[in-house]
Amino acid sequence: MALFEVRTYPVSDGAMDEWAAFMESTIVPFITSKGMKVEALFRGAEDPNVYVWIRRFENEAHRQDLYKAVYETDHWQTNIKPTVRRLVDVENAVVHLVEATEGSPLK
């Protein structure tokens, strides 16, 4: 059964447009090139500083393998991580690991 991450990020005041563009132009292409599956990207409709996205993994071992393939690279550490830390309050990000129910459209 697939494992999903539902990630909620508090984005710095006034930085949502920059963050959403950075996600779509830089982060998503990089992580998908490493094998991660991004299912959805959202910005808050009521809170302009909330960003939510969903990733899909085969299982926990697959998730850990892809974490290493992405986050331990020089490219992530040098080119992506500094911008993430500037635009997102990473210490207050929330990550939920969830599994689909039988009736879920995402599986």
Protein backbone atom coordinates (compact mmCIF):
# COMPACT_ATOMS: atom_id res chain seq x y z
CA MET A 1 0.00 0.00 0.00
CA ALA A 2 1.28 3.45 -0.89
CA LEU A 3 2.47 5.89 1.73
CA PHE A 4 1.68 9.58 1.34
CA GLU A 5 3.23 12.62 2.94
CA VAL A 6 0.94 15.59 3.46
CA ARG A 7 3.31 18.51 4.13
CA THR A 8 2.13 21.86 5.48
CA TYR A 9 4.60 24.73 5.41
CA PRO A 10 4.36 28.17 7.00
CA VAL A 11 5.70 30.51 4.32
CA SER A 12 7.28 33.85 5.23
CA ASP A 13 5.01 36.89 5.04
CA GLY A 14 4.71 38.14 1.47
CA ALA A 15 6.79 35.29 0.03
CA MET A 16 4.08 32.92 -1.25
CA ASP A 17 4.40 33.84 -4.92
CA GLU A 18 8.18 33.41 -4.78
CA TRP A 19 7.84 30.13 -2.85
CA ALA A 20 5.22 28.65 -5.19
CA ALA A 21 7.32 29.60 -8.24
CA PHE A 22 10.45 28.10 -6.64
CA MET A 23 8.60 24.87 -5.85
CA GLU A 24 7.29 24.54 -9.40
CA SER A 25 10.42 25.62 -11.27
CA THR A 26 13.16 24.16 -9.06
CA ILE A 27 12.17 21.79 -6.28
CA VAL A 28 9.56 19.67 -8.04
CA PRO A 29 11.66 19.08 -11.18
CA PHE A 30 14.68 18.16 -9.05
CA ILE A 31 12.93 15.76 -6.69
CA THR A 32 10.94 14.10 -9.48
CA SER A 33 14.17 13.59 -11.42
CA LYS A 34 15.30 11.52 -8.42
CA GLY A 35 12.11 9.42 -8.45
CA MET A 36 9.80 11.20 -6.00
CA LYS A 37 6.15 11.45 -7.00
CA VAL A 38 4.40 14.74 -6.31
CA GLU A 39 0.64 14.31 -6.24
CA ALA A 40 -0.55 17.86 -5.49
CA LEU A 41 0.53 21.42 -4.68
CA PHE A 42 -1.71 23.89 -2.84
CA ARG A 43 -1.57 27.42 -1.44
CA GLY A 44 -3.90 28.56 1.31
CA ALA A 45 -7.20 30.04 0.16
CA GLU A 46 -7.81 31.64 3.56
CA ASP A 47 -4.28 31.92 4.94
CA PRO A 48 -1.83 33.51 2.47
CA ASN A 49 1.13 31.99 4.36
CA VAL A 50 0.15 28.31 4.23
CA TYR A 51 1.44 25.93 1.56
CA VAL A 52 0.44 22.26 1.40
CA TRP A 53 1.75 19.55 -0.86
CA ILE A 54 1.40 15.78 -1.14
CA ARG A 55 4.03 13.24 -2.11
CA ARG A 56 3.56 9.52 -2.78
CA PHE A 57 5.97 6.68 -1.93
CA GLU A 58 5.71 2.92 -2.36
CA ASN A 59 6.51 2.33 1.34
CA GLU A 60 8.70 3.62 4.16
CA ALA A 61 11.89 2.03 2.78
CA HIS A 62 11.25 3.70 -0.59
CA ARG A 63 10.69 7.03 1.17
CA GLN A 64 13.97 6.75 3.08
CA ASP A 65 15.88 5.80 -0.09
CA LEU A 66 14.49 8.82 -1.93
CA TYR A 67 15.21 11.13 1.00
CA LYS A 68 18.88 10.15 0.71
CA ALA A 69 18.84 10.51 -3.08
CA VAL A 70 17.48 14.06 -2.76
CA TYR A 71 18.51 15.64 0.51
CA GLU A 72 22.07 14.31 0.70
CA THR A 73 23.10 15.73 -2.67
CA ASP A 74 25.39 18.71 -3.09
CA HIS A 75 22.78 20.25 -5.39
CA TRP A 76 20.13 20.21 -2.63
CA GLN A 77 22.51 21.43 0.06
CA THR A 78 24.03 24.22 -2.04
CA ASN A 79 21.33 25.36 -4.47
CA ILE A 80 17.98 24.54 -2.90
CA LYS A 81 18.20 24.34 0.88
CA PRO A 82 19.26 27.99 1.44
CA THR A 83 16.22 29.27 -0.46
CA VAL A 84 13.91 26.87 1.37
CA ARG A 85 15.21 28.14 4.71
CA ARG A 86 14.79 31.76 3.61
CA LEU A 87 11.18 31.33 2.46
CA VAL A 88 9.77 28.69 4.83
CA ASP A 89 9.73 28.34 8.61
CA VAL A 90 11.00 24.76 8.37
CA GLU A 91 11.06 24.25 12.14
CA ASN A 92 7.27 24.67 12.17
CA ALA A 93 6.50 22.62 9.08
CA VAL A 94 4.12 19.73 9.69
CA VAL A 95 4.46 16.38 7.91
CA HIS A 96 1.74 13.76 8.19
CA LEU A 97 2.36 10.23 6.92
CA VAL A 98 -0.94 8.79 5.76
CA GLU A 99 -2.28 5.75 3.90
CA ALA A 100 -5.24 5.84 1.54
CA THR A 101 -8.56 4.39 2.57
CA GLU A 102 -10.30 1.87 0.32
CA GLY A 103 -12.45 4.56 -1.28
CA SER A 104 -9.71 7.12 -1.83
CA PRO A 105 -9.11 8.33 -5.40
CA LEU A 106 -5.38 8.53 -4.55
CA LYS A 107 -3.86 5.10 -3.99
